[in-house]
Amino acid sequence: MIDSSDSSRRKDADKKGEAGLEEARLRQQAIGVKLRHMFDEVVNEPVPDEFLEILKRADAKASGGGA
């Protein structure tokens, strides 16, 4: 004998599982958007003067200009 309540419980569980997957996808998408925004902010920050000076000295050494 087939129990119809067992069948409906499985359908409810499937719906909850699909809803959970959709929620996880939306959460991952939101995290991705925030990470891209943060990355864009970092990329657009100016390079500190001290770091530029270090790079200039390294270039001068590499080209034989000394420091």
C-alpha atoms as a PDB file:
ATOM      1  CA  MET A   1       0.000   0.000   0.000  1.00  0.00           C
ATOM      2  CA  ILE A   2       1.331   3.454  -0.933  1.00  0.00           C
ATOM      3  CA  ASP A   3       1.216   6.116   1.734  1.00  0.00           C
ATOM      4  CA  SER A   4       0.295   9.441   0.125  1.00  0.00           C
ATOM      5  CA  SER A   5       1.515  11.392   3.154  1.00  0.00           C
ATOM      6  CA  ASP A   6       5.004   9.964   2.582  1.00  0.00           C
ATOM      7  CA  SER A   7       4.903  11.205  -1.014  1.00  0.00           C
ATOM      8  CA  SER A   8       3.779  14.684   0.016  1.00  0.00           C
ATOM      9  CA  ARG A   9       6.524  14.831   2.669  1.00  0.00           C
ATOM     10  CA  ARG A  10       9.130  14.129  -0.012  1.00  0.00           C
ATOM     11  CA  LYS A  11       7.696  16.870  -2.217  1.00  0.00           C
ATOM     12  CA  ASP A  12       7.808  19.327   0.692  1.00  0.00           C
ATOM     13  CA  ALA A  13      11.405  18.347   1.412  1.00  0.00           C
ATOM     14  CA  ASP A  14      12.302  18.840  -2.260  1.00  0.00           C
ATOM     15  CA  LYS A  15      10.710  22.297  -2.259  1.00  0.00           C
ATOM     16  CA  LYS A  16      12.607  23.250   0.900  1.00  0.00           C
ATOM     17  CA  GLY A  17      15.821  21.950  -0.637  1.00  0.00           C
ATOM     18  CA  GLU A  18      15.261  23.984  -3.803  1.00  0.00           C
ATOM     19  CA  ALA A  19      14.473  27.080  -1.734  1.00  0.00           C
ATOM     20  CA  GLY A  20      17.669  26.532   0.247  1.00  0.00           C
ATOM     21  CA  LEU A  21      19.706  26.218  -2.944  1.00  0.00           C
ATOM     22  CA  GLU A  22      18.179  29.386  -4.347  1.00  0.00           C
ATOM     23  CA  GLU A  23      18.933  31.220  -1.105  1.00  0.00           C
ATOM     24  CA  ALA A  24      22.532  29.984  -1.221  1.00  0.00           C
ATOM     25  CA  ARG A  25      22.885  31.138  -4.837  1.00  0.00           C
ATOM     26  CA  LEU A  26      21.541  34.581  -3.973  1.00  0.00           C
ATOM     27  CA  ARG A  27      23.891  34.804  -0.984  1.00  0.00           C
ATOM     28  CA  GLN A  28      26.881  33.841  -3.149  1.00  0.00           C
ATOM     29  CA  GLN A  29      25.860  36.374  -5.778  1.00  0.00           C
ATOM     30  CA  ALA A  30      25.648  39.135  -3.145  1.00  0.00           C
ATOM     31  CA  ILE A  31      29.070  38.185  -1.795  1.00  0.00           C
ATOM     32  CA  GLY A  32      30.483  38.289  -5.326  1.00  0.00           C
ATOM     33  CA  VAL A  33      29.059  41.761  -5.926  1.00  0.00           C
ATOM     34  CA  LYS A  34      30.558  43.043  -2.657  1.00  0.00           C
ATOM     35  CA  LEU A  35      33.954  41.483  -3.421  1.00  0.00           C
ATOM     36  CA  ARG A  36      34.055  43.035  -6.906  1.00  0.00           C
ATOM     37  CA  HIS A  37      33.164  46.413  -5.409  1.00  0.00           C
ATOM     38  CA  MET A  38      35.938  46.114  -2.799  1.00  0.00           C
ATOM     39  CA  PHE A  39      38.445  45.007  -5.449  1.00  0.00           C
ATOM     40  CA  ASP A  40      37.540  47.978  -7.654  1.00  0.00           C
ATOM     41  CA  GLU A  41      38.085  50.334  -4.726  1.00  0.00           C
ATOM     42  CA  VAL A  42      41.529  48.871  -3.990  1.00  0.00           C
ATOM     43  CA  VAL A  43      42.577  48.960  -7.650  1.00  0.00           C
ATOM     44  CA  ASN A  44      41.612  52.623  -7.917  1.00  0.00           C
ATOM     45  CA  GLU A  45      43.547  53.684  -4.804  1.00  0.00           C
ATOM     46  CA  PRO A  46      46.652  55.756  -5.536  1.00  0.00           C
ATOM     47  CA  VAL A  47      50.062  54.141  -5.094  1.00  0.00           C
ATOM     48  CA  PRO A  48      51.767  55.493  -1.941  1.00  0.00           C
ATOM     49  CA  ASP A  49      54.711  57.835  -2.579  1.00  0.00           C
ATOM     50  CA  GLU A  50      57.021  55.641  -0.495  1.00  0.00           C
ATOM     51  CA  PHE A  51      56.288  52.656  -2.700  1.00  0.00           C
ATOM     52  CA  LEU A  52      56.866  54.689  -5.867  1.00  0.00           C
ATOM     53  CA  GLU A  53      60.237  55.779  -4.469  1.00  0.00           C
ATOM     54  CA  ILE A  54      61.199  52.150  -3.788  1.00  0.00           C
ATOM     55  CA  LEU A  55      60.254  51.229  -7.360  1.00  0.00           C
ATOM     56  CA  LYS A  56      62.305  54.127  -8.766  1.00  0.00           C
ATOM     57  CA  ARG A  57      65.360  53.015  -6.785  1.00  0.00           C
ATOM     58  CA  ALA A  58      64.915  49.420  -7.936  1.00  0.00           C
ATOM     59  CA  ASP A  59      64.641  50.556 -11.577  1.00  0.00           C
ATOM     60  CA  ALA A  60      67.749  52.700 -11.195  1.00  0.00           C
ATOM     61  CA  LYS A  61      69.706  49.748  -9.767  1.00  0.00           C
ATOM     62  CA  ALA A  62      68.485  47.429 -12.498  1.00  0.00           C
ATOM     63  CA  SER A  63      69.519  49.874 -15.228  1.00  0.00           C
ATOM     64  CA  GLY A  64      72.941  50.402 -13.620  1.00  0.00           C
ATOM     65  CA  GLY A  65      72.240  53.959 -12.487  1.00  0.00           C
ATOM     66  CA  GLY A  66      72.948  53.203  -8.835  1.00  0.00           C
ATOM     67  CA  ALA A  67      70.995  54.552  -5.926  1.00  0.00           C
END
